[in-house]
Structure formats: structure tokens, C-alpha cells
Amino acid sequence: MHISQLPGKQSGNATIITCIVKEVYQLDYDYILMNEVMKIVKEEGVEVLKTEFGMKCVMQIAIRKQHADKVCTRFHRLSSLKTNYLRTT
């Protein structure tokens, strides 16, 4: 969240609050897909919230709402990866 003060013309100061809306997803995938998943995460600027690595991996990520469709489409191209929508923040 970003808060800034702007001078108002007649009413004093106005406060503008800017929030970035993100969608949170959980990715479930086999370890063999790790390089491809991390490549998408890096290229798309995805925020990693939580990870569990093993033979089966779980990753919770946050994506800006305006980019969510594009990023999810890239993840859906990976055959054994499953995406689950968790919430919007």
C-alpha cells in the first residue's frame, strides 16, 4: 500500500491510498518441473509466499490481478502442474 499527501484546493490536504490487488494461487507439481516453474516465476515477477520442496512440490504465489490470466496460462501449459486459486488480497 502506498499513501501520499496531495494539497487540496479548498479543503486542506487529501490522502490518496493506492493498493495493489493480488490473486493468491497454490501450485502443485513434480520436482522435475522446478526449472520451468522458477523460470516463469522470475520472468513474470511473481511473488513467492510459501514453498515446500520434495518429490512433489507446493508453492503459494501472489500475482498482480491484471497479470493473473497471462501468468496462469503459462503455468497451465505445464502438463502435470495444478493451480488452485486461494484468495484475492
N, C-alpha and C. Protein backbone atom coordinates (compact mmCIF):
# COMPACT_ATOMS: atom_id res chain seq x y z
N MET A 1 0.84 -1.16 0.00
CA MET A 1 0.00 0.00 0.00
C MET A 1 0.89 1.22 0.00
N HIS A 2 0.50 2.20 -0.75
CA HIS A 2 1.25 3.45 -0.84
C HIS A 2 0.32 4.59 -0.44
N ILE A 3 0.75 5.41 0.49
CA ILE A 3 -0.04 6.54 0.95
C ILE A 3 0.72 7.82 0.63
N SER A 4 0.02 8.78 0.04
CA SER A 4 0.67 10.05 -0.26
C SER A 4 -0.27 11.20 0.07
N GLN A 5 0.31 12.33 0.35
CA GLN A 5 -0.45 13.54 0.66
C GLN A 5 -0.41 14.48 -0.54
N LEU A 6 -1.55 14.97 -0.94
CA LEU A 6 -1.64 15.95 -2.01
C LEU A 6 -2.37 17.17 -1.48
N PRO A 7 -1.87 18.35 -1.78
CA PRO A 7 -2.57 19.54 -1.31
C PRO A 7 -3.90 19.71 -2.02
N GLY A 8 -4.95 19.99 -1.26
CA GLY A 8 -6.27 20.24 -1.83
C GLY A 8 -6.45 21.72 -2.11
N LYS A 9 -7.37 22.07 -2.96
CA LYS A 9 -7.57 23.48 -3.30
C LYS A 9 -8.27 24.23 -2.18
N GLN A 10 -9.35 23.67 -1.65
CA GLN A 10 -10.10 24.38 -0.63
C GLN A 10 -10.23 23.60 0.66
N SER A 11 -10.09 22.31 0.60
CA SER A 11 -10.40 21.50 1.79
C SER A 11 -9.15 21.06 2.55
N GLY A 12 -8.01 21.68 2.33
CA GLY A 12 -6.79 21.27 3.05
C GLY A 12 -6.06 20.19 2.30
N ASN A 13 -5.60 19.18 3.02
CA ASN A 13 -4.85 18.08 2.40
C ASN A 13 -5.75 16.88 2.16
N ALA A 14 -5.52 16.20 1.06
CA ALA A 14 -6.24 14.97 0.73
C ALA A 14 -5.27 13.80 0.81
N THR A 15 -5.72 12.68 1.31
CA THR A 15 -4.89 11.48 1.39
C THR A 15 -5.32 10.53 0.29
N ILE A 16 -4.36 10.09 -0.49
CA ILE A 16 -4.63 9.12 -1.54
C ILE A 16 -3.96 7.82 -1.14
N ILE A 17 -4.74 6.76 -1.12
CA ILE A 17 -4.22 5.43 -0.77
C ILE A 17 -4.26 4.58 -2.02
N THR A 18 -3.11 4.04 -2.41
CA THR A 18 -3.01 3.19 -3.57
C THR A 18 -2.75 1.76 -3.12
N CYS A 19 -3.61 0.83 -3.52
CA CYS A 19 -3.45 -0.58 -3.17
C CYS A 19 -3.25 -1.40 -4.44
N ILE A 20 -2.37 -2.37 -4.36
CA ILE A 20 -2.17 -3.29 -5.47
C ILE A 20 -2.93 -4.57 -5.14
N VAL A 21 -3.88 -4.93 -5.98
CA VAL A 21 -4.69 -6.12 -5.77
C VAL A 21 -3.95 -7.32 -6.37
N LYS A 22 -3.81 -8.36 -5.55
CA LYS A 22 -3.12 -9.57 -5.99
C LYS A 22 -4.00 -10.79 -5.78
N GLU A 23 -3.84 -11.77 -6.66
CA GLU A 23 -4.52 -13.05 -6.51
C GLU A 23 -3.49 -14.06 -6.03
N VAL A 24 -3.90 -14.88 -5.07
CA VAL A 24 -3.00 -15.87 -4.49
C VAL A 24 -3.40 -17.26 -5.00
N TYR A 25 -2.42 -17.99 -5.48
CA TYR A 25 -2.62 -19.33 -6.02
C TYR A 25 -1.67 -20.31 -5.33
N GLN A 26 -2.07 -21.58 -5.35
CA GLN A 26 -1.18 -22.65 -4.92
C GLN A 26 -0.85 -23.49 -6.14
N LEU A 27 0.44 -23.75 -6.34
CA LEU A 27 0.91 -24.60 -7.43
C LEU A 27 1.33 -25.93 -6.85
N ASP A 28 0.87 -27.02 -7.44
CA ASP A 28 1.28 -28.38 -7.06
C ASP A 28 1.91 -29.01 -8.29
N TYR A 29 3.16 -29.48 -8.16
CA TYR A 29 3.86 -30.01 -9.32
C TYR A 29 4.97 -30.96 -8.89
N ASP A 30 5.43 -31.75 -9.84
CA ASP A 30 6.54 -32.66 -9.60
C ASP A 30 7.86 -31.90 -9.64
N TYR A 31 8.82 -32.38 -8.87
CA TYR A 31 10.12 -31.71 -8.78
C TYR A 31 10.77 -31.53 -10.15
N ILE A 32 10.50 -32.43 -11.05
CA ILE A 32 11.11 -32.37 -12.39
C ILE A 32 10.73 -31.08 -13.14
N LEU A 33 9.63 -30.43 -12.75
CA LEU A 33 9.20 -29.18 -13.39
C LEU A 33 9.79 -27.93 -12.74
N MET A 34 10.63 -28.11 -11.72
CA MET A 34 11.14 -26.98 -10.93
C MET A 34 11.75 -25.88 -11.81
N ASN A 35 12.63 -26.23 -12.74
CA ASN A 35 13.29 -25.21 -13.58
C ASN A 35 12.28 -24.41 -14.38
N GLU A 36 11.29 -25.09 -14.96
CA GLU A 36 10.29 -24.40 -15.77
C GLU A 36 9.40 -23.49 -14.91
N VAL A 37 9.03 -23.96 -13.73
CA VAL A 37 8.21 -23.16 -12.82
C VAL A 37 8.97 -21.92 -12.39
N MET A 38 10.22 -22.09 -11.97
CA MET A 38 11.01 -20.96 -11.48
C MET A 38 11.31 -19.96 -12.59
N LYS A 39 11.43 -20.44 -13.82
CA LYS A 39 11.65 -19.54 -14.96
C LYS A 39 10.44 -18.62 -15.13
N ILE A 40 9.23 -19.17 -15.04
CA ILE A 40 8.01 -18.36 -15.16
C ILE A 40 7.93 -17.38 -13.99
N VAL A 41 8.22 -17.86 -12.78
CA VAL A 41 8.17 -17.00 -11.60
C VAL A 41 9.10 -15.80 -11.78
N LYS A 42 10.30 -16.05 -12.25
CA LYS A 42 11.28 -14.97 -12.43
C LYS A 42 10.87 -14.02 -13.55
N GLU A 43 10.50 -14.56 -14.70
CA GLU A 43 10.16 -13.72 -15.86
C GLU A 43 8.92 -12.86 -15.63
N GLU A 44 7.96 -13.38 -14.86
CA GLU A 44 6.70 -12.67 -14.66
C GLU A 44 6.67 -11.83 -13.38
N GLY A 45 7.74 -11.88 -12.60
CA GLY A 45 7.80 -11.09 -11.36
C GLY A 45 6.80 -11.55 -10.32
N VAL A 46 6.58 -12.86 -10.25
CA VAL A 46 5.64 -13.44 -9.31
C VAL A 46 6.24 -13.43 -7.91
N GLU A 47 5.42 -13.10 -6.91
CA GLU A 47 5.87 -13.10 -5.52
C GLU A 47 5.64 -14.49 -4.92
N VAL A 48 6.70 -15.10 -4.42
CA VAL A 48 6.60 -16.42 -3.79
C VAL A 48 6.30 -16.21 -2.31
N LEU A 49 5.21 -16.80 -1.82
CA LEU A 49 4.78 -16.64 -0.44
C LEU A 49 5.22 -17.80 0.45
N LYS A 50 5.19 -19.02 -0.12
CA LYS A 50 5.49 -20.22 0.67
C LYS A 50 5.94 -21.32 -0.27
N THR A 51 6.90 -22.12 0.17
CA THR A 51 7.37 -23.24 -0.65
C THR A 51 7.53 -24.50 0.19
N GLU A 52 7.30 -25.64 -0.44
CA GLU A 52 7.59 -26.96 0.13
C GLU A 52 8.17 -27.77 -1.02
N PHE A 53 9.46 -28.09 -0.92
CA PHE A 53 10.11 -28.82 -2.00
C PHE A 53 10.38 -30.26 -1.58
N GLY A 54 10.09 -31.17 -2.47
CA GLY A 54 10.32 -32.59 -2.29
C GLY A 54 10.10 -33.22 -3.65
N MET A 55 9.77 -34.49 -3.69
CA MET A 55 9.44 -35.11 -4.98
C MET A 55 8.17 -34.46 -5.55
N LYS A 56 7.25 -34.11 -4.66
CA LYS A 56 6.08 -33.30 -5.01
C LYS A 56 6.29 -31.93 -4.38
N CYS A 57 6.16 -30.89 -5.16
CA CYS A 57 6.41 -29.53 -4.67
C CYS A 57 5.10 -28.76 -4.56
N VAL A 58 5.07 -27.86 -3.58
CA VAL A 58 3.93 -26.98 -3.37
C VAL A 58 4.49 -25.57 -3.24
N MET A 59 3.88 -24.63 -3.95
CA MET A 59 4.32 -23.24 -3.89
C MET A 59 3.09 -22.35 -3.87
N GLN A 60 3.04 -21.43 -2.91
CA GLN A 60 1.99 -20.42 -2.91
C GLN A 60 2.58 -19.14 -3.47
N ILE A 61 1.86 -18.54 -4.41
CA ILE A 61 2.35 -17.35 -5.10
C ILE A 61 1.28 -16.26 -5.12
N ALA A 62 1.73 -15.02 -5.24
CA ALA A 62 0.83 -13.88 -5.40
C ALA A 62 1.14 -13.21 -6.73
N ILE A 63 0.10 -12.96 -7.51
CA ILE A 63 0.23 -12.37 -8.84
C ILE A 63 -0.65 -11.13 -8.89
N ARG A 64 -0.14 -10.03 -9.44
CA ARG A 64 -0.99 -8.85 -9.64
C ARG A 64 -2.21 -9.26 -10.45
N LYS A 65 -3.36 -8.81 -10.01
CA LYS A 65 -4.62 -9.22 -10.63
C LYS A 65 -4.62 -8.97 -12.14
N GLN A 66 -4.06 -7.86 -12.57
CA GLN A 66 -4.07 -7.54 -14.01
C GLN A 66 -3.19 -8.48 -14.83
N HIS A 67 -2.27 -9.21 -14.20
CA HIS A 67 -1.39 -10.14 -14.90
C HIS A 67 -1.76 -11.60 -14.66
N ALA A 68 -2.75 -11.86 -13.83
CA ALA A 68 -3.07 -13.23 -13.40
C ALA A 68 -3.43 -14.15 -14.57
N ASP A 69 -4.23 -13.70 -15.50
CA ASP A 69 -4.63 -14.57 -16.62
C ASP A 69 -3.43 -14.99 -17.45
N LYS A 70 -2.55 -14.06 -17.75
CA LYS A 70 -1.37 -14.34 -18.56
C LYS A 70 -0.46 -15.36 -17.85
N VAL A 71 -0.21 -15.12 -16.57
CA VAL A 71 0.69 -15.99 -15.81
C VAL A 71 0.08 -17.38 -15.65
N CYS A 72 -1.20 -17.45 -15.33
CA CYS A 72 -1.86 -18.75 -15.17
C CYS A 72 -1.87 -19.54 -16.47
N THR A 73 -2.03 -18.85 -17.58
CA THR A 73 -1.98 -19.52 -18.88
C THR A 73 -0.62 -20.17 -19.09
N ARG A 74 0.45 -19.48 -18.71
CA ARG A 74 1.80 -20.06 -18.83
C ARG A 74 1.95 -21.28 -17.93
N PHE A 75 1.43 -21.21 -16.71
CA PHE A 75 1.52 -22.37 -15.81
C PHE A 75 0.68 -23.54 -16.33
N HIS A 76 -0.48 -23.27 -16.92
CA HIS A 76 -1.35 -24.34 -17.42
C HIS A 76 -0.72 -25.11 -18.58
N ARG A 77 0.24 -24.52 -19.24
CA ARG A 77 0.93 -25.21 -20.34
C ARG A 77 1.84 -26.32 -19.83
N LEU A 78 2.17 -26.30 -18.54
CA LEU A 78 3.00 -27.36 -17.94
C LEU A 78 2.07 -28.51 -17.58
N SER A 79 2.28 -29.65 -18.21
CA SER A 79 1.31 -30.74 -18.20
C SER A 79 0.88 -31.23 -16.82
N SER A 80 1.79 -31.48 -15.91
CA SER A 80 1.40 -32.08 -14.63
C SER A 80 1.28 -31.07 -13.49
N LEU A 81 1.35 -29.78 -13.80
CA LEU A 81 1.22 -28.74 -12.78
C LEU A 81 -0.26 -28.41 -12.56
N LYS A 82 -0.66 -28.29 -11.30
CA LYS A 82 -2.04 -27.94 -10.97
C LYS A 82 -2.04 -26.60 -10.25
N THR A 83 -2.94 -25.70 -10.66
CA THR A 83 -3.07 -24.41 -9.99
C THR A 83 -4.40 -24.38 -9.25
N ASN A 84 -4.37 -23.86 -8.05
CA ASN A 84 -5.59 -23.71 -7.25
C ASN A 84 -5.67 -22.26 -6.76
N TYR A 85 -6.76 -21.57 -7.10
CA TYR A 85 -6.98 -20.22 -6.63
C TYR A 85 -7.29 -20.27 -5.14
N LEU A 86 -6.61 -19.41 -4.33
CA LEU A 86 -6.85 -19.39 -2.90
C LEU A 86 -7.64 -18.17 -2.45
N ARG A 87 -7.21 -16.97 -2.88
CA ARG A 87 -7.87 -15.75 -2.42
C ARG A 87 -7.35 -14.54 -3.19
N THR A 88 -8.02 -13.42 -2.99
CA THR A 88 -7.57 -12.13 -3.51
C THR A 88 -7.19 -11.27 -2.31
N THR A 89 -6.04 -10.59 -2.40
CA THR A 89 -5.61 -9.73 -1.30
C THR A 89 -5.52 -8.30 -1.77
